[in-house]
C-alpha atoms as a PDB file:
ATOM      1  CA  MET A   1      83.983 130.897 133.249  1.00  0.00           C
ATOM      2  CA  THR A   2      80.857 132.898 134.031  1.00  0.00           C
ATOM      3  CA  VAL A   3      81.114 136.659 134.178  1.00  0.00           C
ATOM      4  CA  GLN A   4      79.053 138.705 136.611  1.00  0.00           C
ATOM      5  CA  LYS A   5      76.112 140.400 134.967  1.00  0.00           C
ATOM      6  CA  GLU A   6      75.339 144.060 135.527  1.00  0.00           C
ATOM      7  CA  PRO A   7      75.971 144.738 139.221  1.00  0.00           C
ATOM      8  CA  VAL A   8      72.897 144.906 141.417  1.00  0.00           C
ATOM      9  CA  THR A   9      72.578 146.638 144.758  1.00  0.00           C
ATOM     10  CA  ILE A  10      72.840 144.469 147.858  1.00  0.00           C
ATOM     11  CA  LEU A  11      70.844 145.835 150.782  1.00  0.00           C
ATOM     12  CA  MET A  12      72.176 144.562 154.105  1.00  0.00           C
ATOM     13  CA  ALA A  13      69.996 144.874 157.199  1.00  0.00           C
ATOM     14  CA  ASP A  14      72.261 144.311 160.193  1.00  0.00           C
ATOM     15  CA  ASP A  15      72.790 146.210 163.440  1.00  0.00           C
ATOM     16  CA  ASP A  16      76.333 144.901 164.020  1.00  0.00           C
ATOM     17  CA  ASP A  17      79.031 147.267 162.705  1.00  0.00           C
ATOM     18  CA  ASP A  18      81.702 144.559 162.683  1.00  0.00           C
ATOM     19  CA  ASP A  19      79.524 142.139 160.702  1.00  0.00           C
ATOM     20  CA  PHE A  20      78.819 144.849 158.140  1.00  0.00           C
ATOM     21  CA  LEU A  21      82.483 145.835 157.778  1.00  0.00           C
ATOM     22  CA  LEU A  22      83.615 142.217 157.467  1.00  0.00           C
ATOM     23  CA  THR A  23      80.906 141.491 154.891  1.00  0.00           C
ATOM     24  CA  GLN A  24      81.921 144.596 152.952  1.00  0.00           C
ATOM     25  CA  LYS A  25      85.560 143.498 153.056  1.00  0.00           C
ATOM     26  CA  ALA A  26      84.670 139.933 151.995  1.00  0.00           C
ATOM     27  CA  LEU A  27      82.600 141.153 149.045  1.00  0.00           C
ATOM     28  CA  LYS A  28      85.465 143.356 147.911  1.00  0.00           C
ATOM     29  CA  ALA A  29      87.987 140.512 148.325  1.00  0.00           C
ATOM     30  CA  SER A  30      85.646 138.290 146.275  1.00  0.00           C
ATOM     31  CA  LYS A  31      85.862 140.903 143.516  1.00  0.00           C
ATOM     32  CA  LEU A  32      82.111 141.473 143.472  1.00  0.00           C
ATOM     33  CA  LEU A  33      81.282 144.850 141.980  1.00  0.00           C
ATOM     34  CA  ASN A  34      77.948 145.169 143.718  1.00  0.00           C
ATOM     35  CA  LYS A  35      77.022 148.285 145.638  1.00  0.00           C
ATOM     36  CA  LEU A  36      76.428 147.416 149.299  1.00  0.00           C
ATOM     37  CA  VAL A  37      73.909 149.569 151.171  1.00  0.00           C
ATOM     38  CA  ARG A  38      73.326 149.117 154.887  1.00  0.00           C
ATOM     39  CA  VAL A  39      70.367 149.710 157.154  1.00  0.00           C
ATOM     40  CA  ASN A  40      70.570 149.066 160.898  1.00  0.00           C
ATOM     41  CA  ASP A  41      67.289 147.338 161.715  1.00  0.00           C
ATOM     42  CA  GLY A  42      64.005 146.082 160.302  1.00  0.00           C
ATOM     43  CA  GLU A  43      62.265 149.433 160.722  1.00  0.00           C
ATOM     44  CA  GLU A  44      64.958 151.250 158.734  1.00  0.00           C
ATOM     45  CA  LEU A  45      64.887 148.452 156.139  1.00  0.00           C
ATOM     46  CA  LEU A  46      61.189 149.008 155.544  1.00  0.00           C
ATOM     47  CA  ASP A  47      61.643 152.804 155.542  1.00  0.00           C
ATOM     48  CA  TYR A  48      64.280 152.366 152.816  1.00  0.00           C
ATOM     49  CA  LEU A  49      62.153 149.999 150.730  1.00  0.00           C
ATOM     50  CA  PHE A  50      58.977 152.088 151.088  1.00  0.00           C
ATOM     51  CA  CYS A  51      60.805 155.466 150.748  1.00  0.00           C
ATOM     52  CA  ARG A  52      59.538 156.806 154.040  1.00  0.00           C
ATOM     53  CA  GLY A  53      61.144 158.433 157.073  1.00  0.00           C
ATOM     54  CA  GLU A  54      64.685 159.592 156.285  1.00  0.00           C
ATOM     55  CA  TYR A  55      64.384 158.074 152.781  1.00  0.00           C
ATOM     56  CA  GLU A  56      61.197 159.961 151.846  1.00  0.00           C
ATOM     57  CA  GLY A  57      61.548 161.851 148.574  1.00  0.00           C
ATOM     58  CA  GLN A  58      64.829 160.141 147.689  1.00  0.00           C
ATOM     59  CA  ASP A  59      65.280 158.297 144.410  1.00  0.00           C
ATOM     60  CA  ILE A  60      65.799 154.844 145.906  1.00  0.00           C
ATOM     61  CA  GLU A  61      66.828 151.999 143.642  1.00  0.00           C
ATOM     62  CA  LEU A  62      65.295 148.772 144.851  1.00  0.00           C
ATOM     63  CA  PRO A  63      67.968 146.227 145.731  1.00  0.00           C
ATOM     64  CA  GLY A  64      68.607 143.127 143.678  1.00  0.00           C
ATOM     65  CA  ILE A  65      68.977 141.138 146.890  1.00  0.00           C
ATOM     66  CA  ILE A  66      68.532 141.691 150.633  1.00  0.00           C
ATOM     67  CA  LEU A  67      70.882 140.213 153.256  1.00  0.00           C
ATOM     68  CA  LEU A  68      68.770 140.085 156.394  1.00  0.00           C
ATOM     69  CA  ASP A  69      69.866 139.586 159.977  1.00  0.00           C
ATOM     70  CA  LEU A  70      67.108 138.201 162.200  1.00  0.00           C
ATOM     71  CA  ASN A  71      68.016 139.649 165.581  1.00  0.00           C
ATOM     72  CA  MET A  72      67.863 143.440 165.336  1.00  0.00           C
ATOM     73  CA  PRO A  73      66.375 146.180 167.520  1.00  0.00           C
ATOM     74  CA  ARG A  74      63.078 148.003 166.885  1.00  0.00           C
ATOM     75  CA  LYS A  75      61.807 145.495 164.300  1.00  0.00           C
ATOM     76  CA  ASP A  76      63.505 142.145 163.885  1.00  0.00           C
ATOM     77  CA  GLY A  77      64.213 140.397 160.603  1.00  0.00           C
ATOM     78  CA  ARG A  78      61.261 138.031 160.888  1.00  0.00           C
ATOM     79  CA  GLU A  79      58.779 140.902 161.108  1.00  0.00           C
ATOM     80  CA  ALA A  80      60.481 142.790 158.264  1.00  0.00           C
ATOM     81  CA  LEU A  81      60.544 139.660 156.084  1.00  0.00           C
ATOM     82  CA  LYS A  82      56.818 139.154 156.603  1.00  0.00           C
ATOM     83  CA  GLU A  83      56.073 142.724 155.470  1.00  0.00           C
ATOM     84  CA  ILE A  84      58.393 142.482 152.462  1.00  0.00           C
ATOM     85  CA  LYS A  85      56.816 139.250 151.227  1.00  0.00           C
ATOM     86  CA  GLU A  86      53.289 140.638 151.719  1.00  0.00           C
ATOM     87  CA  ASP A  87      53.978 143.632 149.447  1.00  0.00           C
ATOM     88  CA  ALA A  88      53.374 143.114 145.709  1.00  0.00           C
ATOM     89  CA  THR A  89      56.212 145.466 144.716  1.00  0.00           C
ATOM     90  CA  LEU A  90      58.801 143.966 147.080  1.00  0.00           C
ATOM     91  CA  ARG A  91      57.968 140.251 147.255  1.00  0.00           C
ATOM     92  CA  ASN A  92      60.094 139.331 144.229  1.00  0.00           C
ATOM     93  CA  ILE A  93      63.299 140.723 145.741  1.00  0.00           C
ATOM     94  CA  PRO A  94      65.339 137.723 146.889  1.00  0.00           C
ATOM     95  CA  VAL A  95      65.924 137.752 150.639  1.00  0.00           C
ATOM     96  CA  VAL A  96      68.816 135.814 152.140  1.00  0.00           C
ATOM     97  CA  VAL A  97      68.715 135.476 155.898  1.00  0.00           C
ATOM     98  CA  PHE A  98      72.281 136.039 157.097  1.00  0.00           C
ATOM     99  CA  THR A  99      72.294 135.541 160.839  1.00  0.00           C
ATOM    100  CA  THR A 100      74.070 134.014 163.820  1.00  0.00           C
ATOM    101  CA  SER A 101      70.969 131.960 164.633  1.00  0.00           C
ATOM    102  CA  LYS A 102      71.124 128.227 164.097  1.00  0.00           C
ATOM    103  CA  ALA A 103      67.687 127.610 165.616  1.00  0.00           C
ATOM    104  CA  GLU A 104      65.647 125.134 163.587  1.00  0.00           C
ATOM    105  CA  GLU A 105      62.551 127.218 164.396  1.00  0.00           C
ATOM    106  CA  ASP A 106      64.132 130.273 162.701  1.00  0.00           C
ATOM    107  CA  VAL A 107      65.028 128.252 159.616  1.00  0.00           C
ATOM    108  CA  TYR A 108      61.511 126.798 159.371  1.00  0.00           C
ATOM    109  CA  LYS A 109      59.675 130.062 160.107  1.00  0.00           C
ATOM    110  CA  THR A 110      61.694 132.185 157.674  1.00  0.00           C
ATOM    111  CA  TYR A 111      61.152 129.692 154.844  1.00  0.00           C
ATOM    112  CA  GLN A 112      57.433 129.713 155.702  1.00  0.00           C
ATOM    113  CA  LEU A 113      57.545 133.514 155.355  1.00  0.00           C
ATOM    114  CA  GLY A 114      59.164 133.246 151.915  1.00  0.00           C
ATOM    115  CA  VAL A 115      62.922 133.645 152.452  1.00  0.00           C
ATOM    116  CA  ASN A 116      65.020 132.481 149.502  1.00  0.00           C
ATOM    117  CA  SER A 117      68.010 131.196 151.488  1.00  0.00           C
ATOM    118  CA  PHE A 118      69.109 130.863 155.102  1.00  0.00           C
ATOM    119  CA  ILE A 119      72.820 131.225 155.889  1.00  0.00           C
ATOM    120  CA  THR A 120      74.377 131.092 159.340  1.00  0.00           C
ATOM    121  CA  LYS A 121      77.123 133.711 159.607  1.00  0.00           C
ATOM    122  CA  PRO A 122      80.551 132.094 159.579  1.00  0.00           C
ATOM    123  CA  VAL A 123      82.809 132.569 162.583  1.00  0.00           C
ATOM    124  CA  THR A 124      86.087 133.174 160.721  1.00  0.00           C
ATOM    125  CA  PHE A 125      86.886 135.724 158.030  1.00  0.00           C
ATOM    126  CA  ASN A 126      88.149 132.996 155.667  1.00  0.00           C
ATOM    127  CA  ASN A 127      84.829 131.190 155.936  1.00  0.00           C
ATOM    128  CA  LEU A 128      82.977 134.484 155.432  1.00  0.00           C
ATOM    129  CA  LEU A 129      85.059 135.085 152.325  1.00  0.00           C
ATOM    130  CA  GLU A 130      84.102 131.645 151.022  1.00  0.00           C
ATOM    131  CA  VAL A 131      80.399 132.263 151.761  1.00  0.00           C
ATOM    132  CA  MET A 132      80.424 135.692 150.049  1.00  0.00           C
ATOM    133  CA  SER A 133      82.214 134.265 147.030  1.00  0.00           C
ATOM    134  CA  SER A 134      79.669 131.426 146.755  1.00  0.00           C
ATOM    135  CA  LEU A 135      76.782 133.820 147.338  1.00  0.00           C
ATOM    136  CA  GLY A 136      78.133 136.082 144.613  1.00  0.00           C
ATOM    137  CA  ARG A 137      78.583 133.263 142.124  1.00  0.00           C
ATOM    138  CA  TYR A 138      75.096 131.935 142.757  1.00  0.00           C
ATOM    139  CA  TRP A 139      73.038 135.131 142.984  1.00  0.00           C
ATOM    140  CA  PHE A 140      74.990 137.333 140.572  1.00  0.00           C
ATOM    141  CA  GLU A 141      76.356 134.932 137.944  1.00  0.00           C
ATOM    142  CA  ILE A 142      74.018 131.931 137.779  1.00  0.00           C
ATOM    143  CA  VAL A 143      70.534 133.092 138.810  1.00  0.00           C
ATOM    144  CA  GLU A 144      68.436 135.457 136.718  1.00  0.00           C
ATOM    145  CA  LEU A 145      67.171 138.176 139.054  1.00  0.00           C
ATOM    146  CA  PRO A 146      64.110 140.301 138.342  1.00  0.00           C
ATOM    147  CA  LYS A 147      65.033 143.779 137.146  1.00  0.00           C
ATOM    148  CA  SER A 148      64.968 146.259 139.986  1.00  0.00           C
ATOM    149  CA  GLY A 149      63.770 149.774 139.544  1.00  0.00           C
ATOM    150  CA  SER A 150      63.471 153.012 141.403  1.00  0.00           C
ATOM    151  CA  LYS A 151      60.723 153.647 143.899  1.00  0.00           C
END
């Protein structure tokens, strides 16, 4: 049996309160010890990662992984993903698109932009629990992630 390595921060960019709460509940039920931080849209995601706006001057720990919704206000996930992957400091952070979209164009475009995985949000809580458990096993037990640091 593999044991989870040192917990890393999961940064979730999603404007839907219910999706966030259900994801939080599923992570907890999966016994993942990771800290889950939420931002509400792509603009806030970039503010967090670049320590600007409301995050300016804060000691922000870069996340070990980003869960990214595509359809958000102000700046959508596609635009945010492009900026993350263009930045030398941020490009190594794994980004998992976690969205309701099933559009083949979204899958293709996000992989072209450098996403690490594309997951369509499950409809039921049991399926979400299964996805979070699998995500946790893969990203936090099997894969070696680059060490994150403070910005």
